[in-house]
Amino acid sequence: MTTTINDETMRELLGRTRDYAFVTLGYGPGRAQPGADALVWEHGRRNFALRAEGKLAIVGPLRGEGDIVGIYIFDASVDEARTIMDEDPAVRAGLFTYRVYALRSFPGDCLPG
């Protein structure tokens, strides 16, 4: 069965969107430095805290080949997301780099359980 969305429904749904920040994570030049695993562990602990605080809606590592090794969707502005990422211990140590993008999406969207 195919769901049909008419123009009125489209306008109503689009009116509910709001801004978020989408972040891609890549390896930095310091990824192989001594102590990197401990910094990555603290990076993960911080991600759990950001989720618990409601600032980080979605986070996850990417598997496979490529320059992007993780993604985030923050319930924050682009500037707030940059500040959050700049404070990440693994970013500060040069293990990871990041890029931030403005994202417009629907409040309440989530991954299926």
PDB file of N, CA and C in Angstrom:
ATOM      1  N   MET A   1       0.842  -1.175   0.000  1.00  0.00           N
ATOM      2  CA  MET A   1       0.000   0.000   0.000  1.00  0.00           C
ATOM      3  C   MET A   1       0.891   1.244   0.000  1.00  0.00           C
ATOM      4  N   THR A   2       0.581   2.200  -0.825  1.00  0.00           N
ATOM      5  CA  THR A   2       1.327   3.440  -0.933  1.00  0.00           C
ATOM      6  C   THR A   2       0.541   4.566  -0.264  1.00  0.00           C
ATOM      7  N   THR A   3       1.216   5.329   0.574  1.00  0.00           N
ATOM      8  CA  THR A   3       0.584   6.477   1.224  1.00  0.00           C
ATOM      9  C   THR A   3       0.619   7.657   0.275  1.00  0.00           C
ATOM     10  N   THR A   4      -0.505   8.334   0.136  1.00  0.00           N
ATOM     11  CA  THR A   4      -0.593   9.515  -0.722  1.00  0.00           C
ATOM     12  C   THR A   4      -0.547  10.752   0.166  1.00  0.00           C
ATOM     13  N   ILE A   5       0.344  11.670  -0.166  1.00  0.00           N
ATOM     14  CA  ILE A   5       0.478  12.933   0.562  1.00  0.00           C
ATOM     15  C   ILE A   5       0.062  14.053  -0.379  1.00  0.00           C
ATOM     16  N   ASN A   6      -0.977  14.784  -0.017  1.00  0.00           N
ATOM     17  CA  ASN A   6      -1.416  15.887  -0.877  1.00  0.00           C
ATOM     18  C   ASN A   6      -0.669  17.176  -0.529  1.00  0.00           C
ATOM     19  N   ASP A   7      -0.883  18.219  -1.308  1.00  0.00           N
ATOM     20  CA  ASP A   7      -0.172  19.489  -1.116  1.00  0.00           C
ATOM     21  C   ASP A   7      -0.468  20.113   0.244  1.00  0.00           C
ATOM     22  N   GLU A   8      -1.711  20.041   0.677  1.00  0.00           N
ATOM     23  CA  GLU A   8      -2.076  20.621   1.974  1.00  0.00           C
ATOM     24  C   GLU A   8      -1.319  19.923   3.105  1.00  0.00           C
ATOM     25  N   THR A   9      -1.248  18.607   3.050  1.00  0.00           N
ATOM     26  CA  THR A   9      -0.510  17.847   4.058  1.00  0.00           C
ATOM     27  C   THR A   9       0.969  18.200   4.015  1.00  0.00           C
ATOM     28  N   MET A  10       1.518  18.326   2.808  1.00  0.00           N
ATOM     29  CA  MET A  10       2.930  18.709   2.666  1.00  0.00           C
ATOM     30  C   MET A  10       3.203  20.054   3.336  1.00  0.00           C
ATOM     31  N   ARG A  11       2.356  21.056   3.050  1.00  0.00           N
ATOM     32  CA  ARG A  11       2.550  22.386   3.643  1.00  0.00           C
ATOM     33  C   ARG A  11       2.447  22.330   5.166  1.00  0.00           C
ATOM     34  N   GLU A  12       1.488  21.570   5.667  1.00  0.00           N
ATOM     35  CA  GLU A  12       1.317  21.457   7.112  1.00  0.00           C
ATOM     36  C   GLU A  12       2.529  20.781   7.757  1.00  0.00           C
ATOM     37  N   LEU A  13       3.009  19.714   7.151  1.00  0.00           N
ATOM     38  CA  LEU A  13       4.174  19.008   7.698  1.00  0.00           C
ATOM     39  C   LEU A  13       5.439  19.865   7.624  1.00  0.00           C
ATOM     40  N   LEU A  14       5.655  20.516   6.520  1.00  0.00           N
ATOM     41  CA  LEU A  14       6.852  21.355   6.375  1.00  0.00           C
ATOM     42  C   LEU A  14       6.844  22.516   7.364  1.00  0.00           C
ATOM     43  N   GLY A  15       5.665  22.978   7.752  1.00  0.00           N
ATOM     44  CA  GLY A  15       5.557  24.041   8.740  1.00  0.00           C
ATOM     45  C   GLY A  15       5.989  23.617  10.135  1.00  0.00           C
ATOM     46  N   ARG A  16       6.119  22.327  10.357  1.00  0.00           N
ATOM     47  CA  ARG A  16       6.540  21.821  11.664  1.00  0.00           C
ATOM     48  C   ARG A  16       8.046  21.613  11.783  1.00  0.00           C
ATOM     49  N   THR A  17       8.776  21.745  10.689  1.00  0.00           N
ATOM     50  CA  THR A  17      10.212  21.483  10.758  1.00  0.00           C
ATOM     51  C   THR A  17      10.920  22.537  11.591  1.00  0.00           C
ATOM     52  N   ARG A  18      12.101  22.169  12.069  1.00  0.00           N
ATOM     53  CA  ARG A  18      12.931  23.118  12.810  1.00  0.00           C
ATOM     54  C   ARG A  18      14.402  22.810  12.562  1.00  0.00           C
ATOM     55  N   ASP A  19      15.257  23.692  13.026  1.00  0.00           N
ATOM     56  CA  ASP A  19      16.689  23.573  12.766  1.00  0.00           C
ATOM     57  C   ASP A  19      17.392  22.686  13.789  1.00  0.00           C
ATOM     58  N   TYR A  20      18.333  21.917  13.273  1.00  0.00           N
ATOM     59  CA  TYR A  20      19.217  21.072  14.075  1.00  0.00           C
ATOM     60  C   TYR A  20      20.625  21.239  13.499  1.00  0.00           C
ATOM     61  N   ALA A  21      21.586  20.571  14.096  1.00  0.00           N
ATOM     62  CA  ALA A  21      22.948  20.580  13.564  1.00  0.00           C
ATOM     63  C   ALA A  21      23.365  19.147  13.267  1.00  0.00           C
ATOM     64  N   PHE A  22      23.843  18.922  12.058  1.00  0.00           N
ATOM     65  CA  PHE A  22      24.338  17.621  11.624  1.00  0.00           C
ATOM     66  C   PHE A  22      25.858  17.714  11.579  1.00  0.00           C
ATOM     67  N   VAL A  23      26.531  16.768  12.214  1.00  0.00           N
ATOM     68  CA  VAL A  23      27.991  16.807  12.306  1.00  0.00           C
ATOM     69  C   VAL A  23      28.565  15.503  11.761  1.00  0.00           C
ATOM     70  N   THR A  24      29.598  15.649  10.943  1.00  0.00           N
ATOM     71  CA  THR A  24      30.351  14.478  10.494  1.00  0.00           C
ATOM     72  C   THR A  24      31.692  14.481  11.208  1.00  0.00           C
ATOM     73  N   LEU A  25      32.156  13.294  11.553  1.00  0.00           N
ATOM     74  CA  LEU A  25      33.411  13.119  12.278  1.00  0.00           C
ATOM     75  C   LEU A  25      34.385  12.375  11.384  1.00  0.00           C
ATOM     76  N   GLY A  26      35.626  12.843  11.342  1.00  0.00           N
ATOM     77  CA  GLY A  26      36.676  12.178  10.580  1.00  0.00           C
ATOM     78  C   GLY A  26      37.910  12.003  11.444  1.00  0.00           C
ATOM     79  N   TYR A  27      38.801  11.123  11.018  1.00  0.00           N
ATOM     80  CA  TYR A  27      40.049  10.944  11.758  1.00  0.00           C
ATOM     81  C   TYR A  27      40.944  12.158  11.572  1.00  0.00           C
ATOM     82  N   GLY A  28      41.615  12.546  12.647  1.00  0.00           N
ATOM     83  CA  GLY A  28      42.561  13.643  12.613  1.00  0.00           C
ATOM     84  C   GLY A  28      43.982  13.117  12.556  1.00  0.00           C
ATOM     85  N   PRO A  29      44.937  14.018  12.463  1.00  0.00           N
ATOM     86  CA  PRO A  29      46.340  13.616  12.346  1.00  0.00           C
ATOM     87  C   PRO A  29      46.885  12.921  13.591  1.00  0.00           C
ATOM     88  N   GLY A  30      46.233  13.085  14.730  1.00  0.00           N
ATOM     89  CA  GLY A  30      46.729  12.488  15.962  1.00  0.00           C
ATOM     90  C   GLY A  30      46.106  11.142  16.298  1.00  0.00           C
ATOM     91  N   ARG A  31      45.395  10.531  15.363  1.00  0.00           N
ATOM     92  CA  ARG A  31      44.652   9.294  15.648  1.00  0.00           C
ATOM     93  C   ARG A  31      45.544   8.172  16.175  1.00  0.00           C
ATOM     94  N   ALA A  32      46.801   8.105  15.744  1.00  0.00           N
ATOM     95  CA  ALA A  32      47.681   6.989  16.135  1.00  0.00           C
ATOM     96  C   ALA A  32      48.573   7.317  17.333  1.00  0.00           C
ATOM     97  N   GLN A  33      48.356   8.459  17.981  1.00  0.00           N
ATOM     98  CA  GLN A  33      49.223   8.853  19.089  1.00  0.00           C
ATOM     99  C   GLN A  33      49.054   7.928  20.295  1.00  0.00           C
ATOM    100  N   PRO A  34      50.079   7.814  21.122  1.00  0.00           N
ATOM    101  CA  PRO A  34      49.953   7.012  22.349  1.00  0.00           C
ATOM    102  C   PRO A  34      48.806   7.549  23.214  1.00  0.00           C
ATOM    103  N   GLY A  35      48.056   6.642  23.790  1.00  0.00           N
ATOM    104  CA  GLY A  35      46.934   7.040  24.637  1.00  0.00           C
ATOM    105  C   GLY A  35      45.653   7.327  23.880  1.00  0.00           C
ATOM    106  N   ALA A  36      45.651   7.110  22.566  1.00  0.00           N
ATOM    107  CA  ALA A  36      44.475   7.429  21.751  1.00  0.00           C
ATOM    108  C   ALA A  36      43.245   6.638  22.191  1.00  0.00           C
ATOM    109  N   ASP A  37      43.422   5.373  22.516  1.00  0.00           N
ATOM    110  CA  ASP A  37      42.268   4.554  22.907  1.00  0.00           C
ATOM    111  C   ASP A  37      41.577   5.111  24.150  1.00  0.00           C
ATOM    112  N   ALA A  38      42.349   5.589  25.109  1.00  0.00           N
ATOM    113  CA  ALA A  38      41.760   6.167  26.321  1.00  0.00           C
ATOM    114  C   ALA A  38      40.986   7.448  25.987  1.00  0.00           C
ATOM    115  N   LEU A  39      41.506   8.243  25.069  1.00  0.00           N
ATOM    116  CA  LEU A  39      40.802   9.466  24.662  1.00  0.00           C
ATOM    117  C   LEU A  39      39.510   9.135  23.917  1.00  0.00           C
ATOM    118  N   VAL A  40      39.552   8.120  23.090  1.00  0.00           N
ATOM    119  CA  VAL A  40      38.344   7.699  22.376  1.00  0.00           C
ATOM    120  C   VAL A  40      37.293   7.208  23.377  1.00  0.00           C
ATOM    121  N   TRP A  41      37.730   6.507  24.416  1.00  0.00           N
ATOM    122  CA  TRP A  41      36.805   6.051  25.457  1.00  0.00           C
ATOM    123  C   TRP A  41      36.117   7.244  26.124  1.00  0.00           C
ATOM    124  N   GLU A  42      36.893   8.283  26.448  1.00  0.00           N
ATOM    125  CA  GLU A  42      36.327   9.479  27.078  1.00  0.00           C
ATOM    126  C   GLU A  42      35.420  10.232  26.105  1.00  0.00           C
ATOM    127  N   HIS A  43      35.767  10.224  24.837  1.00  0.00           N
ATOM    128  CA  HIS A  43      34.924  10.791  23.779  1.00  0.00           C
ATOM    129  C   HIS A  43      33.556  10.090  23.799  1.00  0.00           C
ATOM    130  N   GLY A  44      33.564   8.757  23.899  1.00  0.00           N
ATOM    131  CA  GLY A  44      32.321   7.992  23.962  1.00  0.00           C
ATOM    132  C   GLY A  44      31.527   8.290  25.225  1.00  0.00           C
ATOM    133  N   ARG A  45      32.224   8.405  26.352  1.00  0.00           N
ATOM    134  CA  ARG A  45      31.552   8.729  27.616  1.00  0.00           C
ATOM    135  C   ARG A  45      30.851  10.083  27.495  1.00  0.00           C
ATOM    136  N   ARG A  46      31.527  11.029  26.872  1.00  0.00           N
ATOM    137  CA  ARG A  46      30.952  12.358  26.681  1.00  0.00           C
ATOM    138  C   ARG A  46      29.710  12.299  25.793  1.00  0.00           C
ATOM    139  N   ASN A  47      29.777  11.464  24.740  1.00  0.00           N
ATOM    140  CA  ASN A  47      28.609  11.301  23.871  1.00  0.00           C
ATOM    141  C   ASN A  47      27.411  10.773  24.654  1.00  0.00           C
ATOM    142  N   PHE A  48      27.649   9.797  25.545  1.00  0.00           N
ATOM    143  CA  PHE A  48      26.555   9.284  26.376  1.00  0.00           C
ATOM    144  C   PHE A  48      25.975  10.385  27.258  1.00  0.00           C
ATOM    145  N   ALA A  49      26.828  11.224  27.814  1.00  0.00           N
ATOM    146  CA  ALA A  49      26.354  12.329  28.656  1.00  0.00           C
ATOM    147  C   ALA A  49      25.536  13.326  27.840  1.00  0.00           C
ATOM    148  N   LEU A  50      25.994  13.655  26.640  1.00  0.00           N
ATOM    149  CA  LEU A  50      25.257  14.586  25.776  1.00  0.00           C
ATOM    150  C   LEU A  50      23.887  14.019  25.401  1.00  0.00           C
ATOM    151  N   ARG A  51      23.816  12.724  25.187  1.00  0.00           N
ATOM    152  CA  ARG A  51      22.524  12.073  24.918  1.00  0.00           C
ATOM    153  C   ARG A  51      21.624  12.185  26.136  1.00  0.00           C
ATOM    154  N   ALA A  52      22.167  11.888  27.307  1.00  0.00           N
ATOM    155  CA  ALA A  52      21.379  11.929  28.542  1.00  0.00           C
ATOM    156  C   ALA A  52      20.862  13.334  28.828  1.00  0.00           C
ATOM    157  N   GLU A  53      21.625  14.351  28.437  1.00  0.00           N
ATOM    158  CA  GLU A  53      21.227  15.748  28.639  1.00  0.00           C
ATOM    159  C   GLU A  53      20.244  16.241  27.580  1.00  0.00           C
ATOM    160  N   GLY A  54      19.976  15.427  26.556  1.00  0.00           N
ATOM    161  CA  GLY A  54      19.047  15.815  25.506  1.00  0.00           C
ATOM    162  C   GLY A  54      19.646  16.693  24.423  1.00  0.00           C
ATOM    163  N   LYS A  55      20.940  16.898  24.441  1.00  0.00           N
ATOM    164  CA  LYS A  55      21.591  17.733  23.428  1.00  0.00           C
ATOM    165  C   LYS A  55      21.909  16.954  22.155  1.00  0.00           C
ATOM    166  N   LEU A  56      22.114  15.649  22.295  1.00  0.00           N
ATOM    167  CA  LEU A  56      22.527  14.808  21.182  1.00  0.00           C
ATOM    168  C   LEU A  56      21.411  13.811  20.889  1.00  0.00           C
ATOM    169  N   ALA A  57      20.736  14.013  19.753  1.00  0.00           N
ATOM    170  CA  ALA A  57      19.591  13.163  19.416  1.00  0.00           C
ATOM    171  C   ALA A  57      20.021  11.827  18.814  1.00  0.00           C
ATOM    172  N   ILE A  58      21.003  11.857  17.932  1.00  0.00           N
ATOM    173  CA  ILE A  58      21.482  10.653  17.257  1.00  0.00           C
ATOM    174  C   ILE A  58      22.992  10.728  17.160  1.00  0.00           C
ATOM    175  N   VAL A  59      23.665   9.604  17.424  1.00  0.00           N
ATOM    176  CA  VAL A  59      25.120   9.527  17.309  1.00  0.00           C
ATOM    177  C   VAL A  59      25.476   8.110  16.908  1.00  0.00           C
ATOM    178  N   GLY A  60      26.512   7.973  16.124  1.00  0.00           N
ATOM    179  CA  GLY A  60      26.946   6.625  15.794  1.00  0.00           C
ATOM    180  C   GLY A  60      28.175   6.609  14.916  1.00  0.00           C
ATOM    181  N   PRO A  61      28.989   5.580  15.101  1.00  0.00           N
ATOM    182  CA  PRO A  61      30.141   5.397  14.223  1.00  0.00           C
ATOM    183  C   PRO A  61      29.673   4.826  12.886  1.00  0.00           C
ATOM    184  N   LEU A  62      30.414   5.126  11.837  1.00  0.00           N
ATOM    185  CA  LEU A  62      30.136   4.557  10.522  1.00  0.00           C
ATOM    186  C   LEU A  62      31.107   3.419  10.268  1.00  0.00           C
ATOM    187  N   ARG A  63      30.631   2.381   9.677  1.00  0.00           N
ATOM    188  CA  ARG A  63      31.465   1.227   9.349  1.00  0.00           C
ATOM    189  C   ARG A  63      31.812   1.267   7.871  1.00  0.00           C
ATOM    190  N   GLY A  64      32.953   0.721   7.537  1.00  0.00           N
ATOM    191  CA  GLY A  64      33.344   0.646   6.137  1.00  0.00           C
ATOM    192  C   GLY A  64      34.416   1.657   5.797  1.00  0.00           C
ATOM    193  N   GLU A  65      34.628   1.813   4.518  1.00  0.00           N
ATOM    194  CA  GLU A  65      35.654   2.714   4.010  1.00  0.00           C
ATOM    195  C   GLU A  65      35.104   4.128   3.904  1.00  0.00           C
ATOM    196  N   GLY A  66      35.991   5.077   3.955  1.00  0.00           N
ATOM    197  CA  GLY A  66      35.578   6.458   3.749  1.00  0.00           C
ATOM    198  C   GLY A  66      36.205   7.389   4.758  1.00  0.00           C
ATOM    199  N   ASP A  67      36.071   8.674   4.478  1.00  0.00           N
ATOM    200  CA  ASP A  67      36.657   9.709   5.324  1.00  0.00           C
ATOM    201  C   ASP A  67      35.798  10.035   6.540  1.00  0.00           C
ATOM    202  N   ILE A  68      34.519   9.735   6.470  1.00  0.00           N
ATOM    203  CA  ILE A  68      33.615  10.026   7.584  1.00  0.00           C
ATOM    204  C   ILE A  68      33.510   8.773   8.445  1.00  0.00           C
ATOM    205  N   VAL A  69      33.830   8.929   9.741  1.00  0.00           N
ATOM    206  CA  VAL A  69      33.839   7.767  10.632  1.00  0.00           C
ATOM    207  C   VAL A  69      32.729   7.818  11.688  1.00  0.00           C
ATOM    208  N   GLY A  70      31.987   8.924  11.739  1.00  0.00           N
ATOM    209  CA  GLY A  70      30.892   9.029  12.691  1.00  0.00           C
ATOM    210  C   GLY A  70      29.972  10.172  12.327  1.00  0.00           C
ATOM    211  N   ILE A  71      28.736  10.110  12.848  1.00  0.00           N
ATOM    212  CA  ILE A  71      27.766  11.186  12.620  1.00  0.00           C
ATOM    213  C   ILE A  71      27.066  11.541  13.923  1.00  0.00           C
ATOM    214  N   TYR A  72      26.628  12.777  13.972  1.00  0.00           N
ATOM    215  CA  TYR A  72      25.856  13.297  15.100  1.00  0.00           C
ATOM    216  C   TYR A  72      24.691  14.112  14.545  1.00  0.00           C
ATOM    217  N   ILE A  73      23.574  14.091  15.248  1.00  0.00           N
ATOM    218  CA  ILE A  73      22.523  15.088  15.045  1.00  0.00           C
ATOM    219  C   ILE A  73      22.260  15.703  16.404  1.00  0.00           C
ATOM    220  N   PHE A  74      22.571  16.992  16.508  1.00  0.00           N
ATOM    221  CA  PHE A  74      22.404  17.740  17.755  1.00  0.00           C
ATOM    222  C   PHE A  74      21.097  18.517  17.753  1.00  0.00           C
ATOM    223  N   ASP A  75      20.447  18.568  18.887  1.00  0.00           N
ATOM    224  CA  ASP A  75      19.321  19.468  19.104  1.00  0.00           C
ATOM    225  C   ASP A  75      19.935  20.788  19.569  1.00  0.00           C
ATOM    226  N   ALA A  76      20.577  21.456  18.610  1.00  0.00           N
ATOM    227  CA  ALA A  76      21.351  22.669  18.898  1.00  0.00           C
ATOM    228  C   ALA A  76      21.561  23.431  17.595  1.00  0.00           C
ATOM    229  N   SER A  77      21.946  24.677  17.736  1.00  0.00           N
ATOM    230  CA  SER A  77      22.302  25.464  16.558  1.00  0.00           C
ATOM    231  C   SER A  77      23.674  25.023  16.044  1.00  0.00           C
ATOM    232  N   VAL A  78      24.009  25.464  14.860  1.00  0.00           N
ATOM    233  CA  VAL A  78      25.324  25.171  14.282  1.00  0.00           C
ATOM    234  C   VAL A  78      26.425  25.696  15.198  1.00  0.00           C
ATOM    235  N   ASP A  79      26.268  26.913  15.696  1.00  0.00           N
ATOM    236  CA  ASP A  79      27.284  27.494  16.581  1.00  0.00           C
ATOM    237  C   ASP A  79      27.410  26.714  17.886  1.00  0.00           C
ATOM    238  N   GLU A  80      26.282  26.301  18.456  1.00  0.00           N
ATOM    239  CA  GLU A  80      26.323  25.503  19.687  1.00  0.00           C
ATOM    240  C   GLU A  80      27.002  24.155  19.439  1.00  0.00           C
ATOM    241  N   ALA A  81      26.704  23.546  18.298  1.00  0.00           N
ATOM    242  CA  ALA A  81      27.326  22.253  17.973  1.00  0.00           C
ATOM    243  C   ALA A  81      28.844  22.406  17.826  1.00  0.00           C
ATOM    244  N   ARG A  82      29.288  23.496  17.210  1.00  0.00           N
ATOM    245  CA  ARG A  82      30.735  23.738  17.098  1.00  0.00           C
ATOM    246  C   ARG A  82      31.380  23.853  18.480  1.00  0.00           C
ATOM    247  N   THR A  83      30.736  24.582  19.366  1.00  0.00           N
ATOM    248  CA  THR A  83      31.263  24.728  20.724  1.00  0.00           C
ATOM    249  C   THR A  83      31.338  23.374  21.418  1.00  0.00           C
ATOM    250  N   ILE A  84      30.285  22.587  21.300  1.00  0.00           N
ATOM    251  CA  ILE A  84      30.270  21.256  21.905  1.00  0.00           C
ATOM    252  C   ILE A  84      31.404  20.399  21.336  1.00  0.00           C
ATOM    253  N   MET A  85      31.564  20.415  20.034  1.00  0.00           N
ATOM    254  CA  MET A  85      32.600  19.587  19.410  1.00  0.00           C
ATOM    255  C   MET A  85      34.003  20.089  19.754  1.00  0.00           C
ATOM    256  N   ASP A  86      34.178  21.391  19.837  1.00  0.00           N
ATOM    257  CA  ASP A  86      35.494  21.942  20.197  1.00  0.00           C
ATOM    258  C   ASP A  86      35.929  21.516  21.594  1.00  0.00           C
ATOM    259  N   GLU A  87      34.963  21.206  22.462  1.00  0.00           N
ATOM    260  CA  GLU A  87      35.266  20.790  23.833  1.00  0.00           C
ATOM    261  C   GLU A  87      35.484  19.283  23.963  1.00  0.00           C
ATOM    262  N   ASP A  88      35.280  18.541  22.884  1.00  0.00           N
ATOM    263  CA  ASP A  88      35.459  17.084  22.925  1.00  0.00           C
ATOM    264  C   ASP A  88      36.938  16.751  23.137  1.00  0.00           C
ATOM    265  N   PRO A  89      37.269  15.888  24.097  1.00  0.00           N
ATOM    266  CA  PRO A  89      38.677  15.598  24.378  1.00  0.00           C
ATOM    267  C   PRO A  89      39.431  14.983  23.199  1.00  0.00           C
ATOM    268  N   ALA A  90      38.766  14.158  22.407  1.00  0.00           N
ATOM    269  CA  ALA A  90      39.436  13.537  21.261  1.00  0.00           C
ATOM    270  C   ALA A  90      39.620  14.524  20.111  1.00  0.00           C
ATOM    271  N   VAL A  91      38.725  15.488  19.986  1.00  0.00           N
ATOM    272  CA  VAL A  91      38.891  16.549  18.987  1.00  0.00           C
ATOM    273  C   VAL A  91      40.034  17.467  19.412  1.00  0.00           C
ATOM    274  N   ARG A  92      40.036  17.860  20.690  1.00  0.00           N
ATOM    275  CA  ARG A  92      41.109  18.737  21.198  1.00  0.00           C
ATOM    276  C   ARG A  92      42.478  18.099  21.014  1.00  0.00           C
ATOM    277  N   ALA A  93      42.561  16.776  21.161  1.00  0.00           N
ATOM    278  CA  ALA A  93      43.840  16.068  21.048  1.00  0.00           C
ATOM    279  C   ALA A  93      44.221  15.770  19.594  1.00  0.00           C
ATOM    280  N   GLY A  94      43.346  16.106  18.644  1.00  0.00           N
ATOM    281  CA  GLY A  94      43.665  15.886  17.232  1.00  0.00           C
ATOM    282  C   GLY A  94      43.349  14.490  16.726  1.00  0.00           C
ATOM    283  N   LEU A  95      42.671  13.672  17.524  1.00  0.00           N
ATOM    284  CA  LEU A  95      42.294  12.337  17.063  1.00  0.00           C
ATOM    285  C   LEU A  95      41.194  12.393  16.018  1.00  0.00           C
ATOM    286  N   PHE A  96      40.274  13.357  16.205  1.00  0.00           N
ATOM    287  CA  PHE A  96      39.158  13.523  15.284  1.00  0.00           C
ATOM    288  C   PHE A  96      39.085  14.963  14.789  1.00  0.00           C
ATOM    289  N   THR A  97      38.532  15.115  13.605  1.00  0.00           N
ATOM    290  CA  THR A  97      38.141  16.415  13.067  1.00  0.00           C
ATOM    291  C   THR A  97      36.633  16.336  12.821  1.00  0.00           C
ATOM    292  N   TYR A  98      36.004  17.466  12.584  1.00  0.00           N
ATOM    293  CA  TYR A  98      34.563  17.452  12.356  1.00  0.00           C
ATOM    294  C   TYR A  98      34.161  18.561  11.407  1.00  0.00           C
ATOM    295  N   ARG A  99      32.975  18.397  10.835  1.00  0.00           N
ATOM    296  CA  ARG A  99      32.332  19.429  10.022  1.00  0.00           C
ATOM    297  C   ARG A  99      30.887  19.528  10.492  1.00  0.00           C
ATOM    298  N   VAL A 100      30.365  20.739  10.539  1.00  0.00           N
ATOM    299  CA  VAL A 100      29.001  20.976  11.009  1.00  0.00           C
ATOM    300  C   VAL A 100      28.153  21.520   9.858  1.00  0.00           C
ATOM    301  N   TYR A 101      26.939  21.011   9.751  1.00  0.00           N
ATOM    302  CA  TYR A 101      25.994  21.433   8.716  1.00  0.00           C
ATOM    303  C   TYR A 101      24.663  21.790   9.364  1.00  0.00           C
ATOM    304  N   ALA A 102      23.989  22.783   8.808  1.00  0.00           N
ATOM    305  CA  ALA A 102      22.631  23.097   9.247  1.00  0.00           C
ATOM    306  C   ALA A 102      21.696  22.027   8.678  1.00  0.00           C
ATOM    307  N   LEU A 103      20.806  21.533   9.506  1.00  0.00           N
ATOM    308  CA  LEU A 103      19.858  20.496   9.112  1.00  0.00           C
ATOM    309  C   LEU A 103      18.467  20.944   9.518  1.00  0.00           C
ATOM    310  N   ARG A 104      17.531  20.787   8.632  1.00  0.00           N
ATOM    311  CA  ARG A 104      16.132  21.093   8.943  1.00  0.00           C
ATOM    312  C   ARG A 104      15.383  19.761   8.921  1.00  0.00           C
ATOM    313  N   SER A 105      14.685  19.443  10.016  1.00  0.00           N
ATOM    314  CA  SER A 105      13.994  18.165  10.098  1.00  0.00           C
ATOM    315  C   SER A 105      12.761  18.298  10.988  1.00  0.00           C
ATOM    316  N   PHE A 106      12.145  17.161  11.252  1.00  0.00           N
ATOM    317  CA  PHE A 106      10.890  17.128  11.976  1.00  0.00           C
ATOM    318  C   PHE A 106      11.107  16.740  13.435  1.00  0.00           C
ATOM    319  N   PRO A 107      10.654  17.563  14.385  1.00  0.00           N
ATOM    320  CA  PRO A 107      10.753  17.173  15.791  1.00  0.00           C
ATOM    321  C   PRO A 107      10.042  15.841  16.021  1.00  0.00           C
ATOM    322  N   GLY A 108      10.655  15.011  16.827  1.00  0.00           N
ATOM    323  CA  GLY A 108      10.063  13.716  17.142  1.00  0.00           C
ATOM    324  C   GLY A 108      10.506  12.590  16.222  1.00  0.00           C
ATOM    325  N   ASP A 109      11.161  12.911  15.092  1.00  0.00           N
ATOM    326  CA  ASP A 109      11.676  11.846  14.238  1.00  0.00           C
ATOM    327  C   ASP A 109      12.685  11.036  15.033  1.00  0.00           C
ATOM    328  N   CYS A 110      12.715   9.753  14.787  1.00  0.00           N
ATOM    329  CA  CYS A 110      13.666   8.904  15.485  1.00  0.00           C
ATOM    330  C   CYS A 110      13.920   7.647  14.668  1.00  0.00           C
ATOM    331  N   LEU A 111      14.932   6.913  15.088  1.00  0.00           N
ATOM    332  CA  LEU A 111      15.208   5.640  14.445  1.00  0.00           C
ATOM    333  C   LEU A 111      14.178   4.621  14.922  1.00  0.00           C
ATOM    334  N   PRO A 112      13.756   3.715  14.054  1.00  0.00           N
ATOM    335  CA  PRO A 112      12.799   2.700  14.488  1.00  0.00           C
ATOM    336  C   PRO A 112      13.401   1.811  15.556  1.00  0.00           C
ATOM    337  N   GLY A 113      12.602   1.398  16.511  1.00  0.00           N
ATOM    338  CA  GLY A 113      13.057   0.564  17.616  1.00  0.00           C
ATOM    339  C   GLY A 113      13.237  -0.861  17.198  1.00  0.00           C
TER     340      GLY A 113
END
